[in-house]
Amino acid sequence: MDIEKISKVLEGVLVGKITDIQKHPNADKLILLNLDVGSETKRQIVTGAPNVKTGNTVCFITAGNLLPRPYLTEGKEIILQPRDLRGIISDAMLMAPDELCLGDDHLGVLILEESGYLENVKAVKLGEPILKCVNKKFVEDIIKYLSSRTEKF
């Protein structure tokens, strides 16, 4: 397994904490959430994830970064772009387990407190790259998943 390739794509995956959730004014199945990313400015993200709650610690990527799954499974370099989602620009994306190559689950975003990948949630520095915040099981699970797939990585 190419650890350098995994590390490269995960450099753009950061950690944030959901501070507020509101209904999207123009869509029934979308929500707006504010994400504390460790700086004075909070990031607003539009999502359809059904499992998010205020206080959750989550993974996200910002516009300009590689999407992990297509890069790791197919070698495609797809860069996240800002999107207008029913009249509101979202320039970041919360990550589901399948988007991080942690399995095939796409029912909601990866909630780090529930994942078993954090040694100490209180020690997490918001805005840090995910690899600085998780235990080694996180990368081991990615390698295990990629090894089980038929596509080359």
N, C-alpha and C. Protein backbone atom coordinates (compact mmCIF):
# COMPACT_ATOMS: atom_id res chain seq x y z
N MET A 1 0.84 -1.19 0.00
CA MET A 1 0.00 0.00 0.00
C MET A 1 0.88 1.24 0.00
N ASP A 2 0.46 2.23 -0.71
CA ASP A 2 1.22 3.46 -0.84
C ASP A 2 0.79 4.46 0.25
N ILE A 3 1.49 4.44 1.38
CA ILE A 3 1.18 5.31 2.51
C ILE A 3 1.33 6.78 2.12
N GLU A 4 2.31 7.08 1.27
CA GLU A 4 2.51 8.47 0.84
C GLU A 4 1.29 8.99 0.08
N LYS A 5 0.70 8.14 -0.74
CA LYS A 5 -0.48 8.54 -1.50
C LYS A 5 -1.65 8.81 -0.54
N ILE A 6 -1.82 7.96 0.45
CA ILE A 6 -2.88 8.15 1.45
C ILE A 6 -2.63 9.45 2.21
N SER A 7 -1.41 9.66 2.64
CA SER A 7 -1.07 10.88 3.40
C SER A 7 -1.30 12.13 2.57
N LYS A 8 -0.94 12.07 1.28
CA LYS A 8 -1.09 13.24 0.40
C LYS A 8 -2.55 13.68 0.33
N VAL A 9 -3.43 12.75 0.09
CA VAL A 9 -4.84 13.12 -0.08
C VAL A 9 -5.47 13.51 1.26
N LEU A 10 -5.01 12.92 2.35
CA LEU A 10 -5.61 13.24 3.65
C LEU A 10 -5.08 14.54 4.24
N GLU A 11 -4.06 15.14 3.63
CA GLU A 11 -3.58 16.44 4.10
C GLU A 11 -4.68 17.49 4.04
N GLY A 12 -5.57 17.37 3.09
CA GLY A 12 -6.64 18.35 2.94
C GLY A 12 -7.88 18.06 3.76
N VAL A 13 -7.90 16.93 4.47
CA VAL A 13 -9.05 16.58 5.31
C VAL A 13 -8.78 17.14 6.71
N LEU A 14 -9.65 18.04 7.13
CA LEU A 14 -9.46 18.75 8.40
C LEU A 14 -10.55 18.36 9.40
N VAL A 15 -10.37 18.81 10.63
CA VAL A 15 -11.32 18.50 11.71
C VAL A 15 -12.01 19.78 12.16
N GLY A 16 -13.33 19.70 12.32
CA GLY A 16 -14.10 20.84 12.81
C GLY A 16 -15.20 20.37 13.75
N LYS A 17 -15.81 21.31 14.45
CA LYS A 17 -16.90 21.00 15.38
C LYS A 17 -18.14 21.80 14.96
N ILE A 18 -19.26 21.11 14.85
CA ILE A 18 -20.52 21.75 14.47
C ILE A 18 -21.02 22.60 15.63
N THR A 19 -21.25 23.89 15.35
CA THR A 19 -21.70 24.81 16.41
C THR A 19 -23.16 25.22 16.27
N ASP A 20 -23.72 25.06 15.09
CA ASP A 20 -25.09 25.50 14.87
C ASP A 20 -25.64 24.80 13.63
N ILE A 21 -26.91 24.44 13.67
CA ILE A 21 -27.58 23.82 12.53
C ILE A 21 -28.90 24.54 12.29
N GLN A 22 -29.15 24.87 11.02
CA GLN A 22 -30.40 25.54 10.64
C GLN A 22 -30.97 24.88 9.40
N LYS A 23 -32.27 25.01 9.22
CA LYS A 23 -32.90 24.53 7.99
C LYS A 23 -32.43 25.40 6.84
N HIS A 24 -32.26 24.78 5.68
CA HIS A 24 -31.94 25.53 4.47
C HIS A 24 -33.23 26.26 4.05
N PRO A 25 -33.15 27.55 3.76
CA PRO A 25 -34.37 28.29 3.43
C PRO A 25 -35.02 27.89 2.10
N ASN A 26 -34.26 27.22 1.22
CA ASN A 26 -34.78 26.90 -0.10
C ASN A 26 -34.82 25.41 -0.42
N ALA A 27 -34.63 24.57 0.60
CA ALA A 27 -34.61 23.12 0.34
C ALA A 27 -35.02 22.36 1.60
N ASP A 28 -35.94 21.42 1.44
CA ASP A 28 -36.42 20.65 2.58
C ASP A 28 -35.41 19.63 3.09
N LYS A 29 -34.58 19.09 2.20
CA LYS A 29 -33.67 18.01 2.60
C LYS A 29 -32.24 18.47 2.86
N LEU A 30 -32.01 19.77 2.79
CA LEU A 30 -30.67 20.30 3.06
C LEU A 30 -30.69 21.13 4.34
N ILE A 31 -29.53 21.20 5.00
CA ILE A 31 -29.38 22.03 6.19
C ILE A 31 -28.13 22.89 6.04
N LEU A 32 -28.10 23.97 6.80
CA LEU A 32 -26.92 24.82 6.88
C LEU A 32 -26.32 24.58 8.25
N LEU A 33 -25.02 24.40 8.27
CA LEU A 33 -24.40 24.28 9.57
C LEU A 33 -23.18 25.17 9.64
N ASN A 34 -22.90 25.64 10.84
CA ASN A 34 -21.69 26.41 11.09
C ASN A 34 -20.69 25.48 11.73
N LEU A 35 -19.47 25.57 11.27
CA LEU A 35 -18.40 24.68 11.71
C LEU A 35 -17.29 25.52 12.32
N ASP A 36 -16.94 25.20 13.57
CA ASP A 36 -15.78 25.82 14.21
C ASP A 36 -14.56 25.11 13.66
N VAL A 37 -13.68 25.87 13.01
CA VAL A 37 -12.49 25.29 12.37
C VAL A 37 -11.21 25.78 13.04
N GLY A 38 -11.36 26.28 14.27
CA GLY A 38 -10.18 26.66 15.03
C GLY A 38 -9.68 28.07 14.80
N SER A 39 -10.38 28.83 13.99
CA SER A 39 -10.01 30.23 13.77
C SER A 39 -11.20 31.09 14.17
N GLU A 40 -11.03 32.38 14.09
CA GLU A 40 -12.13 33.27 14.47
C GLU A 40 -13.33 33.13 13.54
N THR A 41 -13.07 32.80 12.29
CA THR A 41 -14.14 32.67 11.30
C THR A 41 -14.69 31.25 11.32
N LYS A 42 -16.00 31.14 11.43
CA LYS A 42 -16.64 29.83 11.33
C LYS A 42 -16.97 29.60 9.86
N ARG A 43 -17.01 28.36 9.47
CA ARG A 43 -17.29 28.02 8.08
C ARG A 43 -18.73 27.54 7.98
N GLN A 44 -19.47 28.05 6.99
CA GLN A 44 -20.84 27.61 6.75
C GLN A 44 -20.82 26.56 5.66
N ILE A 45 -21.48 25.44 5.91
CA ILE A 45 -21.52 24.33 4.96
C ILE A 45 -22.98 23.93 4.75
N VAL A 46 -23.32 23.65 3.51
CA VAL A 46 -24.64 23.11 3.16
C VAL A 46 -24.46 21.60 3.04
N THR A 47 -25.34 20.85 3.68
CA THR A 47 -25.25 19.39 3.63
C THR A 47 -26.63 18.76 3.69
N GLY A 48 -26.70 17.53 3.25
CA GLY A 48 -27.92 16.74 3.37
C GLY A 48 -27.74 15.61 4.38
N ALA A 49 -26.62 15.62 5.09
CA ALA A 49 -26.32 14.54 6.05
C ALA A 49 -27.37 14.49 7.15
N PRO A 50 -27.99 13.31 7.34
CA PRO A 50 -29.07 13.21 8.32
C PRO A 50 -28.60 12.99 9.76
N ASN A 51 -27.32 12.71 9.96
CA ASN A 51 -26.87 12.30 11.29
C ASN A 51 -26.11 13.36 12.07
N VAL A 52 -26.05 14.59 11.58
CA VAL A 52 -25.26 15.60 12.28
C VAL A 52 -26.05 16.26 13.40
N LYS A 53 -25.31 16.60 14.47
CA LYS A 53 -25.89 17.30 15.63
C LYS A 53 -24.92 18.37 16.07
N THR A 54 -25.45 19.41 16.68
CA THR A 54 -24.59 20.43 17.26
C THR A 54 -23.65 19.77 18.27
N GLY A 55 -22.38 20.12 18.19
CA GLY A 55 -21.38 19.56 19.09
C GLY A 55 -20.58 18.42 18.49
N ASN A 56 -21.04 17.84 17.36
CA ASN A 56 -20.29 16.75 16.72
C ASN A 56 -18.95 17.25 16.19
N THR A 57 -17.93 16.41 16.33
CA THR A 57 -16.64 16.65 15.71
C THR A 57 -16.62 15.84 14.42
N VAL A 58 -16.30 16.51 13.30
CA VAL A 58 -16.42 15.90 11.98
C VAL A 58 -15.19 16.19 11.13
N CYS A 59 -15.04 15.45 10.04
CA CYS A 59 -14.00 15.69 9.04
C CYS A 59 -14.62 16.51 7.91
N PHE A 60 -13.82 17.40 7.33
CA PHE A 60 -14.30 18.16 6.18
C PHE A 60 -13.12 18.50 5.28
N ILE A 61 -13.45 18.81 4.03
CA ILE A 61 -12.44 19.35 3.11
C ILE A 61 -12.97 20.65 2.55
N THR A 62 -12.06 21.52 2.19
CA THR A 62 -12.43 22.80 1.61
C THR A 62 -12.18 22.77 0.11
N ALA A 63 -12.80 23.71 -0.59
CA ALA A 63 -12.60 23.83 -2.02
C ALA A 63 -11.11 23.95 -2.31
N GLY A 64 -10.71 23.29 -3.39
CA GLY A 64 -9.31 23.29 -3.79
C GLY A 64 -8.55 22.06 -3.36
N ASN A 65 -9.19 21.18 -2.59
CA ASN A 65 -8.53 19.95 -2.14
C ASN A 65 -9.07 18.73 -2.88
N LEU A 66 -8.23 17.69 -2.92
CA LEU A 66 -8.59 16.43 -3.57
C LEU A 66 -9.67 15.70 -2.80
N LEU A 67 -10.62 15.12 -3.53
CA LEU A 67 -11.58 14.21 -2.91
C LEU A 67 -10.88 12.87 -2.70
N PRO A 68 -10.83 12.36 -1.47
CA PRO A 68 -10.04 11.15 -1.20
C PRO A 68 -10.44 9.90 -1.97
N ARG A 69 -11.72 9.55 -2.01
CA ARG A 69 -12.11 8.26 -2.60
C ARG A 69 -11.73 8.10 -4.07
N PRO A 70 -12.08 9.04 -4.96
CA PRO A 70 -11.70 8.82 -6.37
C PRO A 70 -10.19 8.77 -6.56
N TYR A 71 -9.46 9.54 -5.77
CA TYR A 71 -8.00 9.57 -5.90
C TYR A 71 -7.40 8.24 -5.43
N LEU A 72 -7.85 7.74 -4.30
CA LEU A 72 -7.26 6.51 -3.75
C LEU A 72 -7.75 5.25 -4.46
N THR A 73 -8.96 5.23 -4.97
CA THR A 73 -9.47 4.00 -5.58
C THR A 73 -9.26 3.93 -7.08
N GLU A 74 -9.24 5.08 -7.76
CA GLU A 74 -9.16 5.07 -9.21
C GLU A 74 -8.03 5.93 -9.76
N GLY A 75 -7.35 6.66 -8.91
CA GLY A 75 -6.28 7.54 -9.35
C GLY A 75 -6.77 8.82 -9.99
N LYS A 76 -8.06 9.13 -9.86
CA LYS A 76 -8.62 10.36 -10.44
C LYS A 76 -8.41 11.52 -9.48
N GLU A 77 -7.86 12.59 -9.99
CA GLU A 77 -7.67 13.78 -9.17
C GLU A 77 -8.85 14.72 -9.36
N ILE A 78 -9.86 14.57 -8.52
CA ILE A 78 -11.03 15.43 -8.55
C ILE A 78 -10.90 16.43 -7.41
N ILE A 79 -10.91 17.70 -7.77
CA ILE A 79 -10.74 18.77 -6.80
C ILE A 79 -12.12 19.32 -6.42
N LEU A 80 -12.38 19.43 -5.12
CA LEU A 80 -13.64 20.00 -4.66
C LEU A 80 -13.75 21.45 -5.10
N GLN A 81 -14.89 21.79 -5.66
CA GLN A 81 -15.16 23.16 -6.11
C GLN A 81 -16.31 23.73 -5.28
N PRO A 82 -16.34 25.06 -5.08
CA PRO A 82 -17.50 25.66 -4.42
C PRO A 82 -18.77 25.35 -5.22
N ARG A 83 -19.87 25.14 -4.54
CA ARG A 83 -21.14 24.81 -5.21
C ARG A 83 -22.25 25.71 -4.69
N ASP A 84 -23.11 26.10 -5.61
CA ASP A 84 -24.32 26.82 -5.23
C ASP A 84 -25.39 25.75 -5.00
N LEU A 85 -25.79 25.61 -3.75
CA LEU A 85 -26.80 24.61 -3.40
C LEU A 85 -28.08 25.33 -3.00
N ARG A 86 -28.94 25.46 -3.99
CA ARG A 86 -30.23 26.13 -3.80
C ARG A 86 -30.06 27.56 -3.28
N GLY A 87 -29.12 28.29 -3.89
CA GLY A 87 -28.96 29.71 -3.59
C GLY A 87 -27.95 30.04 -2.50
N ILE A 88 -27.31 29.03 -1.92
CA ILE A 88 -26.29 29.26 -0.90
C ILE A 88 -25.01 28.57 -1.33
N ILE A 89 -23.92 29.32 -1.33
CA ILE A 89 -22.62 28.77 -1.73
C ILE A 89 -22.04 27.96 -0.58
N SER A 90 -21.63 26.75 -0.89
CA SER A 90 -20.92 25.90 0.06
C SER A 90 -19.54 25.64 -0.52
N ASP A 91 -18.49 26.03 0.20
CA ASP A 91 -17.13 25.84 -0.32
C ASP A 91 -16.36 24.81 0.49
N ALA A 92 -17.11 23.94 1.15
CA ALA A 92 -16.50 22.84 1.90
C ALA A 92 -17.50 21.69 1.92
N MET A 93 -17.01 20.52 2.32
CA MET A 93 -17.85 19.32 2.31
C MET A 93 -17.51 18.46 3.52
N LEU A 94 -18.55 18.02 4.24
CA LEU A 94 -18.34 17.06 5.32
C LEU A 94 -18.09 15.69 4.70
N MET A 95 -17.33 14.86 5.39
CA MET A 95 -16.91 13.58 4.82
C MET A 95 -17.64 12.40 5.46
N ALA A 96 -18.22 11.56 4.61
CA ALA A 96 -18.81 10.29 5.04
C ALA A 96 -17.71 9.23 5.06
N PRO A 97 -17.92 8.12 5.78
CA PRO A 97 -16.89 7.07 5.83
C PRO A 97 -16.45 6.59 4.45
N ASP A 98 -17.39 6.43 3.51
CA ASP A 98 -17.00 5.93 2.19
C ASP A 98 -16.14 6.94 1.43
N GLU A 99 -16.33 8.22 1.68
CA GLU A 99 -15.54 9.25 0.99
C GLU A 99 -14.10 9.29 1.50
N LEU A 100 -13.88 8.70 2.68
CA LEU A 100 -12.54 8.61 3.26
C LEU A 100 -11.92 7.23 3.05
N CYS A 101 -12.60 6.35 2.30
CA CYS A 101 -12.16 4.96 2.06
C CYS A 101 -12.10 4.17 3.36
N LEU A 102 -13.11 4.40 4.22
CA LEU A 102 -13.24 3.63 5.46
C LEU A 102 -14.35 2.60 5.37
N GLY A 103 -14.80 2.32 4.16
CA GLY A 103 -15.87 1.36 3.95
C GLY A 103 -16.82 1.90 2.89
N ASP A 104 -18.03 1.33 2.86
CA ASP A 104 -19.01 1.72 1.85
C ASP A 104 -20.18 2.51 2.43
N ASP A 105 -20.11 2.87 3.70
CA ASP A 105 -21.20 3.58 4.38
C ASP A 105 -21.30 5.03 3.90
N HIS A 106 -22.45 5.37 3.34
CA HIS A 106 -22.69 6.75 2.90
C HIS A 106 -24.02 7.25 3.48
N LEU A 107 -24.41 6.72 4.64
CA LEU A 107 -25.68 7.11 5.25
C LEU A 107 -25.59 8.42 6.03
N GLY A 108 -24.38 8.88 6.27
CA GLY A 108 -24.18 10.12 7.00
C GLY A 108 -22.69 10.40 7.09
N VAL A 109 -22.34 11.52 7.72
CA VAL A 109 -20.93 11.87 7.85
C VAL A 109 -20.28 11.07 8.97
N LEU A 110 -18.95 10.99 8.92
CA LEU A 110 -18.19 10.33 9.98
C LEU A 110 -18.19 11.24 11.20
N ILE A 111 -18.80 10.79 12.28
CA ILE A 111 -18.80 11.52 13.55
C ILE A 111 -17.62 10.98 14.34
N LEU A 112 -16.61 11.81 14.53
CA LEU A 112 -15.36 11.33 15.11
C LEU A 112 -15.51 10.81 16.53
N GLU A 113 -16.38 11.41 17.33
CA GLU A 113 -16.58 10.93 18.70
C GLU A 113 -17.10 9.49 18.73
N GLU A 114 -17.83 9.10 17.70
CA GLU A 114 -18.45 7.78 17.66
C GLU A 114 -17.62 6.76 16.87
N SER A 115 -16.54 7.21 16.25
CA SER A 115 -15.82 6.38 15.29
C SER A 115 -14.78 5.44 15.91
N GLY A 116 -14.30 5.76 17.10
CA GLY A 116 -13.21 4.97 17.67
C GLY A 116 -11.84 5.38 17.16
N TYR A 117 -11.78 6.43 16.34
CA TYR A 117 -10.50 6.86 15.77
C TYR A 117 -9.80 7.95 16.59
N LEU A 118 -10.48 8.51 17.56
CA LEU A 118 -9.86 9.55 18.38
C LEU A 118 -9.41 8.97 19.71
N GLU A 119 -8.19 9.29 20.11
CA GLU A 119 -7.71 8.87 21.43
C GLU A 119 -8.36 9.72 22.51
N ASN A 120 -8.45 11.03 22.25
CA ASN A 120 -8.97 11.96 23.24
C ASN A 120 -9.63 13.13 22.50
N VAL A 121 -10.95 13.14 22.46
CA VAL A 121 -11.67 14.18 21.71
C VAL A 121 -11.37 15.57 22.25
N LYS A 122 -11.09 15.68 23.54
CA LYS A 122 -10.81 17.00 24.12
C LYS A 122 -9.46 17.54 23.68
N ALA A 123 -8.56 16.68 23.23
CA ALA A 123 -7.23 17.11 22.79
C ALA A 123 -7.19 17.50 21.31
N VAL A 124 -8.28 17.30 20.60
CA VAL A 124 -8.32 17.62 19.17
C VAL A 124 -8.24 19.13 18.97
N LYS A 125 -7.36 19.54 18.07
CA LYS A 125 -7.26 20.95 17.71
C LYS A 125 -8.06 21.16 16.43
N LEU A 126 -9.10 21.97 16.53
CA LEU A 126 -9.96 22.22 15.37
C LEU A 126 -9.17 22.92 14.27
N GLY A 127 -9.44 22.50 13.04
CA GLY A 127 -8.73 23.04 11.89
C GLY A 127 -7.48 22.27 11.54
N GLU A 128 -7.10 21.31 12.37
CA GLU A 128 -5.91 20.49 12.13
C GLU A 128 -6.21 19.41 11.08
N PRO A 129 -5.20 18.97 10.34
CA PRO A 129 -5.39 17.83 9.43
C PRO A 129 -5.79 16.58 10.22
N ILE A 130 -6.64 15.78 9.64
CA ILE A 130 -7.17 14.60 10.32
C ILE A 130 -6.07 13.67 10.81
N LEU A 131 -4.98 13.54 10.06
CA LEU A 131 -3.93 12.61 10.46
C LEU A 131 -3.22 13.03 11.74
N LYS A 132 -3.34 14.28 12.15
CA LYS A 132 -2.76 14.72 13.41
C LYS A 132 -3.68 14.44 14.59
N CYS A 133 -4.91 14.03 14.31
CA CYS A 133 -5.93 13.89 15.35
C CYS A 133 -6.36 12.46 15.62
N VAL A 134 -6.10 11.55 14.71
CA VAL A 134 -6.64 10.19 14.83
C VAL A 134 -5.55 9.20 15.24
N ASN A 135 -6.00 8.03 15.69
CA ASN A 135 -5.07 6.96 16.03
C ASN A 135 -4.68 6.18 14.77
N LYS A 136 -3.76 5.25 14.92
CA LYS A 136 -3.25 4.52 13.74
C LYS A 136 -4.30 3.60 13.12
N LYS A 137 -5.34 3.25 13.87
CA LYS A 137 -6.41 2.40 13.33
C LYS A 137 -7.09 3.07 12.12
N PHE A 138 -7.14 4.40 12.12
CA PHE A 138 -7.75 5.14 11.02
C PHE A 138 -7.08 4.79 9.69
N VAL A 139 -5.75 4.91 9.64
CA VAL A 139 -5.01 4.60 8.40
C VAL A 139 -5.04 3.10 8.14
N GLU A 140 -4.96 2.29 9.18
CA GLU A 140 -5.02 0.83 9.00
C GLU A 140 -6.34 0.43 8.35
N ASP A 141 -7.45 1.05 8.77
CA ASP A 141 -8.75 0.73 8.18
C ASP A 141 -8.85 1.17 6.73
N ILE A 142 -8.22 2.29 6.39
CA ILE A 142 -8.19 2.73 4.99
C ILE A 142 -7.41 1.72 4.16
N ILE A 143 -6.24 1.31 4.64
CA ILE A 143 -5.42 0.34 3.92
C ILE A 143 -6.17 -0.98 3.77
N LYS A 144 -6.83 -1.43 4.82
CA LYS A 144 -7.60 -2.67 4.78
C LYS A 144 -8.71 -2.59 3.72
N TYR A 145 -9.42 -1.47 3.72
CA TYR A 145 -10.49 -1.29 2.74
C TYR A 145 -9.95 -1.27 1.32
N LEU A 146 -8.89 -0.52 1.10
CA LEU A 146 -8.32 -0.42 -0.25
C LEU A 146 -7.76 -1.77 -0.71
N SER A 147 -7.21 -2.54 0.20
CA SER A 147 -6.67 -3.87 -0.14
C SER A 147 -7.77 -4.83 -0.56
N SER A 148 -8.98 -4.61 -0.07
CA SER A 148 -10.10 -5.52 -0.38
C SER A 148 -10.76 -5.18 -1.71
N ARG A 149 -10.41 -4.06 -2.29
CA ARG A 149 -11.05 -3.64 -3.54
C ARG A 149 -10.31 -4.21 -4.75
N THR A 150 -11.02 -4.33 -5.84
CA THR A 150 -10.42 -4.87 -7.05
C THR A 150 -9.66 -3.83 -7.84
N GLU A 151 -10.01 -2.53 -7.68
CA GLU A 151 -9.29 -1.49 -8.40
C GLU A 151 -7.88 -1.37 -7.86
N LYS A 152 -6.98 -0.96 -8.70
CA LYS A 152 -5.60 -0.71 -8.28
C LYS A 152 -5.55 0.58 -7.48
N PHE A 153 -4.65 0.59 -6.53
CA PHE A 153 -4.43 1.83 -5.76
C PHE A 153 -2.97 2.07 -5.63
